[in-house]
């Protein structure tokens, strides 16, 4: 194995084994917990209290705090027509396609082998996590299929454009 493949493999191990800020356990364990348990550390009753007290009070008095530098209540706007024309044109020329039947873009990436493909996913996962935006993706051996759409606004947003651009950069770097 050459150095870049080993680096990619180490990055994957670090991502999946690093303690999560949410649960205190590794990332893989925190992903499979029910959503309610994952959100409890960031959604707390104002002035303290328990989850049972929250349910009895009908949710009154709860506040959401920021997590990893992003507000958990941040709203994202769908791209308007002007932003669409300006931001999507370069992506569409670069191989991204509009998804039929929904407001999303997709692209298929191909690599020399599985380790390169998974390393690409690991590097992109770091960018996605930092931006609090997560792609829908599918990996089979040396192929990675990505679909981007922002679930908060149920359509394409600036987050999708930024992540698609970052993925294209990572792909160009991986091909070298």
C-alpha atoms as a PDB file:
ATOM      1  CA  UNK A   1       0.000   0.000   0.000  1.00  0.00           C
ATOM      2  CA  UNK A   2       1.263   3.459  -0.794  1.00  0.00           C
ATOM      3  CA  UNK A   3       1.297   6.343   1.701  1.00  0.00           C
ATOM      4  CA  UNK A   4      -1.912   8.051   0.543  1.00  0.00           C
ATOM      5  CA  UNK A   5      -3.949   4.851   0.943  1.00  0.00           C
ATOM      6  CA  UNK A   6      -2.585   4.291   4.433  1.00  0.00           C
ATOM      7  CA  UNK A   7      -3.371   7.912   5.337  1.00  0.00           C
ATOM      8  CA  UNK A   8      -6.938   7.488   4.065  1.00  0.00           C
ATOM      9  CA  UNK A   9      -7.367   4.271   6.042  1.00  0.00           C
ATOM     10  CA  UNK A  10      -6.052   5.909   9.225  1.00  0.00           C
ATOM     11  CA  UNK A  11      -8.471   8.826   8.711  1.00  0.00           C
ATOM     12  CA  UNK A  12     -11.377   6.378   8.461  1.00  0.00           C
ATOM     13  CA  UNK A  13     -10.366   4.625  11.678  1.00  0.00           C
ATOM     14  CA  UNK A  14      -9.994   7.961  13.485  1.00  0.00           C
ATOM     15  CA  UNK A  15     -13.450   9.111  12.374  1.00  0.00           C
ATOM     16  CA  UNK A  16     -15.219   5.958  13.495  1.00  0.00           C
ATOM     17  CA  UNK A  17     -13.322   5.473  16.740  1.00  0.00           C
ATOM     18  CA  UNK A  18     -13.049   9.075  17.967  1.00  0.00           C
ATOM     19  CA  UNK A  19     -15.237   9.966  20.961  1.00  0.00           C
ATOM     20  CA  UNK A  20     -18.367  11.833  19.972  1.00  0.00           C
ATOM     21  CA  UNK A  21     -19.115  15.195  21.599  1.00  0.00           C
ATOM     22  CA  UNK A  22     -22.755  14.151  21.825  1.00  0.00           C
ATOM     23  CA  UNK A  23     -22.622  10.741  23.468  1.00  0.00           C
ATOM     24  CA  UNK A  24     -19.057  10.443  24.784  1.00  0.00           C
ATOM     25  CA  UNK A  25     -18.734   7.131  22.916  1.00  0.00           C
ATOM     26  CA  UNK A  26     -17.292   6.425  19.495  1.00  0.00           C
ATOM     27  CA  UNK A  27     -19.000   7.922  16.431  1.00  0.00           C
ATOM     28  CA  UNK A  28     -20.257   4.539  15.198  1.00  0.00           C
ATOM     29  CA  UNK A  29     -22.023   3.848  18.510  1.00  0.00           C
ATOM     30  CA  UNK A  30     -23.621   7.298  18.627  1.00  0.00           C
ATOM     31  CA  UNK A  31     -25.004   6.966  15.081  1.00  0.00           C
ATOM     32  CA  UNK A  32     -27.112   3.940  15.967  1.00  0.00           C
ATOM     33  CA  UNK A  33     -28.711   5.348  19.114  1.00  0.00           C
ATOM     34  CA  UNK A  34     -32.276   6.602  18.857  1.00  0.00           C
ATOM     35  CA  UNK A  35     -32.440  10.243  17.816  1.00  0.00           C
ATOM     36  CA  UNK A  36     -33.996  11.326  21.132  1.00  0.00           C
ATOM     37  CA  UNK A  37     -30.989  10.049  23.067  1.00  0.00           C
ATOM     38  CA  UNK A  38     -28.545  11.740  20.699  1.00  0.00           C
ATOM     39  CA  UNK A  39     -30.279  15.102  21.060  1.00  0.00           C
ATOM     40  CA  UNK A  40     -30.789  15.087  24.826  1.00  0.00           C
ATOM     41  CA  UNK A  41     -27.300  16.445  25.612  1.00  0.00           C
ATOM     42  CA  UNK A  42     -27.948  19.530  23.450  1.00  0.00           C
ATOM     43  CA  UNK A  43     -31.618  20.050  24.354  1.00  0.00           C
ATOM     44  CA  UNK A  44     -31.888  20.776  28.059  1.00  0.00           C
ATOM     45  CA  UNK A  45     -34.611  22.260  30.227  1.00  0.00           C
ATOM     46  CA  UNK A  46     -33.981  25.889  31.169  1.00  0.00           C
ATOM     47  CA  UNK A  47     -32.843  25.831  34.794  1.00  0.00           C
ATOM     48  CA  UNK A  48     -32.309  22.059  34.838  1.00  0.00           C
ATOM     49  CA  UNK A  49     -34.843  19.232  35.045  1.00  0.00           C
ATOM     50  CA  UNK A  50     -35.457  15.846  33.540  1.00  0.00           C
ATOM     51  CA  UNK A  51     -36.874  14.561  30.286  1.00  0.00           C
ATOM     52  CA  UNK A  52     -39.952  13.270  32.179  1.00  0.00           C
ATOM     53  CA  UNK A  53     -40.564  16.760  33.594  1.00  0.00           C
ATOM     54  CA  UNK A  54     -40.209  18.176  30.094  1.00  0.00           C
ATOM     55  CA  UNK A  55     -42.874  15.817  28.732  1.00  0.00           C
ATOM     56  CA  UNK A  56     -45.246  16.584  31.636  1.00  0.00           C
ATOM     57  CA  UNK A  57     -44.837  20.309  31.011  1.00  0.00           C
ATOM     58  CA  UNK A  58     -45.572  19.863  27.320  1.00  0.00           C
ATOM     59  CA  UNK A  59     -42.081  21.003  26.375  1.00  0.00           C
ATOM     60  CA  UNK A  60     -42.405  24.409  28.047  1.00  0.00           C
ATOM     61  CA  UNK A  61     -39.187  25.986  29.241  1.00  0.00           C
ATOM     62  CA  UNK A  62     -36.799  24.056  27.038  1.00  0.00           C
ATOM     63  CA  UNK A  63     -34.070  25.754  25.072  1.00  0.00           C
ATOM     64  CA  UNK A  64     -31.793  24.481  22.372  1.00  0.00           C
ATOM     65  CA  UNK A  65     -28.129  25.319  22.613  1.00  0.00           C
ATOM     66  CA  UNK A  66     -25.449  25.436  19.981  1.00  0.00           C
ATOM     67  CA  UNK A  67     -23.578  22.271  19.112  1.00  0.00           C
ATOM     68  CA  UNK A  68     -20.203  22.131  17.381  1.00  0.00           C
ATOM     69  CA  UNK A  69     -20.402  25.844  16.608  1.00  0.00           C
ATOM     70  CA  UNK A  70     -23.773  25.749  14.835  1.00  0.00           C
ATOM     71  CA  UNK A  71     -27.151  26.711  16.229  1.00  0.00           C
ATOM     72  CA  UNK A  72     -29.382  23.658  16.351  1.00  0.00           C
ATOM     73  CA  UNK A  73     -32.290  25.873  15.227  1.00  0.00           C
ATOM     74  CA  UNK A  74     -30.533  27.387  12.221  1.00  0.00           C
ATOM     75  CA  UNK A  75     -32.856  27.723   9.232  1.00  0.00           C
ATOM     76  CA  UNK A  76     -31.484  27.320   5.747  1.00  0.00           C
ATOM     77  CA  UNK A  77     -33.148  28.909   2.720  1.00  0.00           C
ATOM     78  CA  UNK A  78     -33.738  27.202  -0.608  1.00  0.00           C
ATOM     79  CA  UNK A  79     -31.718  28.728  -3.459  1.00  0.00           C
ATOM     80  CA  UNK A  80     -33.748  31.322  -5.362  1.00  0.00           C
ATOM     81  CA  UNK A  81     -33.731  31.436  -9.180  1.00  0.00           C
ATOM     82  CA  UNK A  82     -30.813  33.900  -9.384  1.00  0.00           C
ATOM     83  CA  UNK A  83     -28.686  31.893  -6.947  1.00  0.00           C
ATOM     84  CA  UNK A  84     -29.574  28.689  -8.798  1.00  0.00           C
ATOM     85  CA  UNK A  85     -28.439  30.060 -12.142  1.00  0.00           C
ATOM     86  CA  UNK A  86     -25.216  31.437 -10.681  1.00  0.00           C
ATOM     87  CA  UNK A  87     -24.234  28.543  -8.387  1.00  0.00           C
ATOM     88  CA  UNK A  88     -25.493  25.445 -10.177  1.00  0.00           C
ATOM     89  CA  UNK A  89     -24.107  26.215 -13.657  1.00  0.00           C
ATOM     90  CA  UNK A  90     -20.460  25.417 -12.756  1.00  0.00           C
ATOM     91  CA  UNK A  91     -21.520  22.272 -10.888  1.00  0.00           C
ATOM     92  CA  UNK A  92     -23.640  21.016 -13.782  1.00  0.00           C
ATOM     93  CA  UNK A  93     -20.699  21.586 -16.152  1.00  0.00           C
ATOM     94  CA  UNK A  94     -18.513  19.620 -13.721  1.00  0.00           C
ATOM     95  CA  UNK A  95     -20.651  16.485 -13.892  1.00  0.00           C
ATOM     96  CA  UNK A  96     -23.337  17.097 -11.275  1.00  0.00           C
ATOM     97  CA  UNK A  97     -26.893  16.406 -12.449  1.00  0.00           C
ATOM     98  CA  UNK A  98     -30.316  17.519 -11.246  1.00  0.00           C
ATOM     99  CA  UNK A  99     -32.297  14.691  -9.654  1.00  0.00           C
ATOM    100  CA  UNK A 100     -35.598  14.014 -11.358  1.00  0.00           C
ATOM    101  CA  UNK A 101     -38.603  14.348  -9.066  1.00  0.00           C
ATOM    102  CA  UNK A 102     -36.888  16.244  -6.242  1.00  0.00           C
ATOM    103  CA  UNK A 103     -34.878  19.384  -5.611  1.00  0.00           C
ATOM    104  CA  UNK A 104     -31.419  17.786  -5.397  1.00  0.00           C
ATOM    105  CA  UNK A 105     -28.175  17.244  -7.299  1.00  0.00           C
ATOM    106  CA  UNK A 106     -26.207  14.025  -7.741  1.00  0.00           C
ATOM    107  CA  UNK A 107     -22.857  12.850  -9.018  1.00  0.00           C
ATOM    108  CA  UNK A 108     -21.024   9.535  -9.371  1.00  0.00           C
ATOM    109  CA  UNK A 109     -17.325   9.415  -8.479  1.00  0.00           C
ATOM    110  CA  UNK A 110     -15.050   6.557  -9.596  1.00  0.00           C
ATOM    111  CA  UNK A 111     -11.691   5.626  -8.054  1.00  0.00           C
ATOM    112  CA  UNK A 112      -8.924   3.109  -8.670  1.00  0.00           C
ATOM    113  CA  UNK A 113      -9.917   0.901  -5.715  1.00  0.00           C
ATOM    114  CA  UNK A 114     -12.033   0.630  -2.567  1.00  0.00           C
ATOM    115  CA  UNK A 115      -9.496   2.251  -0.229  1.00  0.00           C
ATOM    116  CA  UNK A 116      -9.295   5.359  -2.428  1.00  0.00           C
ATOM    117  CA  UNK A 117     -13.092   5.570  -2.622  1.00  0.00           C
ATOM    118  CA  UNK A 118     -13.519   5.149   1.120  1.00  0.00           C
ATOM    119  CA  UNK A 119     -10.721   7.625   1.825  1.00  0.00           C
ATOM    120  CA  UNK A 120     -12.564  10.168  -0.335  1.00  0.00           C
ATOM    121  CA  UNK A 121     -15.718   9.536   1.683  1.00  0.00           C
ATOM    122  CA  UNK A 122     -13.810   9.968   4.943  1.00  0.00           C
ATOM    123  CA  UNK A 123     -12.304  13.290   3.865  1.00  0.00           C
ATOM    124  CA  UNK A 124     -15.681  14.538   2.615  1.00  0.00           C
ATOM    125  CA  UNK A 125     -17.311  13.373   5.851  1.00  0.00           C
ATOM    126  CA  UNK A 126     -14.998  15.690   7.787  1.00  0.00           C
ATOM    127  CA  UNK A 127     -16.065  18.646   5.627  1.00  0.00           C
ATOM    128  CA  UNK A 128     -19.738  17.673   5.913  1.00  0.00           C
ATOM    129  CA  UNK A 129     -19.558  17.329   9.693  1.00  0.00           C
ATOM    130  CA  UNK A 130     -17.810  20.675  10.044  1.00  0.00           C
ATOM    131  CA  UNK A 131     -20.566  22.325   7.979  1.00  0.00           C
ATOM    132  CA  UNK A 132     -23.305  20.363   9.815  1.00  0.00           C
ATOM    133  CA  UNK A 133     -24.519  19.085   6.446  1.00  0.00           C
ATOM    134  CA  UNK A 134     -24.653  15.436   5.527  1.00  0.00           C
ATOM    135  CA  UNK A 135     -24.898  13.903   2.058  1.00  0.00           C
ATOM    136  CA  UNK A 136     -26.843  10.877   0.961  1.00  0.00           C
ATOM    137  CA  UNK A 137     -24.231   8.574  -0.474  1.00  0.00           C
ATOM    138  CA  UNK A 138     -23.722   5.020  -1.581  1.00  0.00           C
ATOM    139  CA  UNK A 139     -20.444   3.143  -1.986  1.00  0.00           C
ATOM    140  CA  UNK A 140     -19.760  -0.072  -3.886  1.00  0.00           C
ATOM    141  CA  UNK A 141     -16.093  -1.024  -4.236  1.00  0.00           C
ATOM    142  CA  UNK A 142     -14.506   1.852  -6.204  1.00  0.00           C
ATOM    143  CA  UNK A 143     -17.649   3.901  -6.870  1.00  0.00           C
ATOM    144  CA  UNK A 144     -19.283   6.554  -4.701  1.00  0.00           C
ATOM    145  CA  UNK A 145     -22.700   7.958  -5.648  1.00  0.00           C
ATOM    146  CA  UNK A 146     -23.619  11.214  -3.885  1.00  0.00           C
ATOM    147  CA  UNK A 147     -26.956  13.038  -3.691  1.00  0.00           C
ATOM    148  CA  UNK A 148     -27.122  16.466  -2.074  1.00  0.00           C
ATOM    149  CA  UNK A 149     -30.249  18.198  -0.812  1.00  0.00           C
ATOM    150  CA  UNK A 150     -30.868  20.148   2.383  1.00  0.00           C
ATOM    151  CA  UNK A 151     -33.482  18.414   4.497  1.00  0.00           C
ATOM    152  CA  UNK A 152     -34.240  21.484   6.668  1.00  0.00           C
ATOM    153  CA  UNK A 153     -35.569  23.425   3.679  1.00  0.00           C
ATOM    154  CA  UNK A 154     -36.483  20.389   1.554  1.00  0.00           C
ATOM    155  CA  UNK A 155     -34.443  21.543  -1.430  1.00  0.00           C
ATOM    156  CA  UNK A 156     -31.125  22.842  -2.691  1.00  0.00           C
ATOM    157  CA  UNK A 157     -29.351  25.394  -0.521  1.00  0.00           C
ATOM    158  CA  UNK A 158     -25.983  27.105  -0.323  1.00  0.00           C
ATOM    159  CA  UNK A 159     -24.836  24.194   1.873  1.00  0.00           C
ATOM    160  CA  UNK A 160     -25.294  21.796  -1.045  1.00  0.00           C
ATOM    161  CA  UNK A 161     -23.348  24.048  -3.403  1.00  0.00           C
ATOM    162  CA  UNK A 162     -20.492  24.426  -0.902  1.00  0.00           C
ATOM    163  CA  UNK A 163     -20.287  20.694  -0.168  1.00  0.00           C
ATOM    164  CA  UNK A 164     -20.472  19.762  -3.871  1.00  0.00           C
ATOM    165  CA  UNK A 165     -17.626  22.190  -4.611  1.00  0.00           C
ATOM    166  CA  UNK A 166     -15.574  20.731  -1.750  1.00  0.00           C
ATOM    167  CA  UNK A 167     -16.241  17.180  -2.965  1.00  0.00           C
ATOM    168  CA  UNK A 168     -15.057  18.109  -6.457  1.00  0.00           C
ATOM    169  CA  UNK A 169     -11.828  19.506  -4.951  1.00  0.00           C
ATOM    170  CA  UNK A 170     -11.291  16.344  -2.899  1.00  0.00           C
ATOM    171  CA  UNK A 171     -11.904  14.206  -5.990  1.00  0.00           C
ATOM    172  CA  UNK A 172      -9.350  16.167  -8.034  1.00  0.00           C
ATOM    173  CA  UNK A 173      -6.833  15.769  -5.202  1.00  0.00           C
ATOM    174  CA  UNK A 174      -7.539  12.024  -4.952  1.00  0.00           C
ATOM    175  CA  UNK A 175      -7.024  11.498  -8.699  1.00  0.00           C
ATOM    176  CA  UNK A 176      -3.479  12.944  -8.599  1.00  0.00           C
END
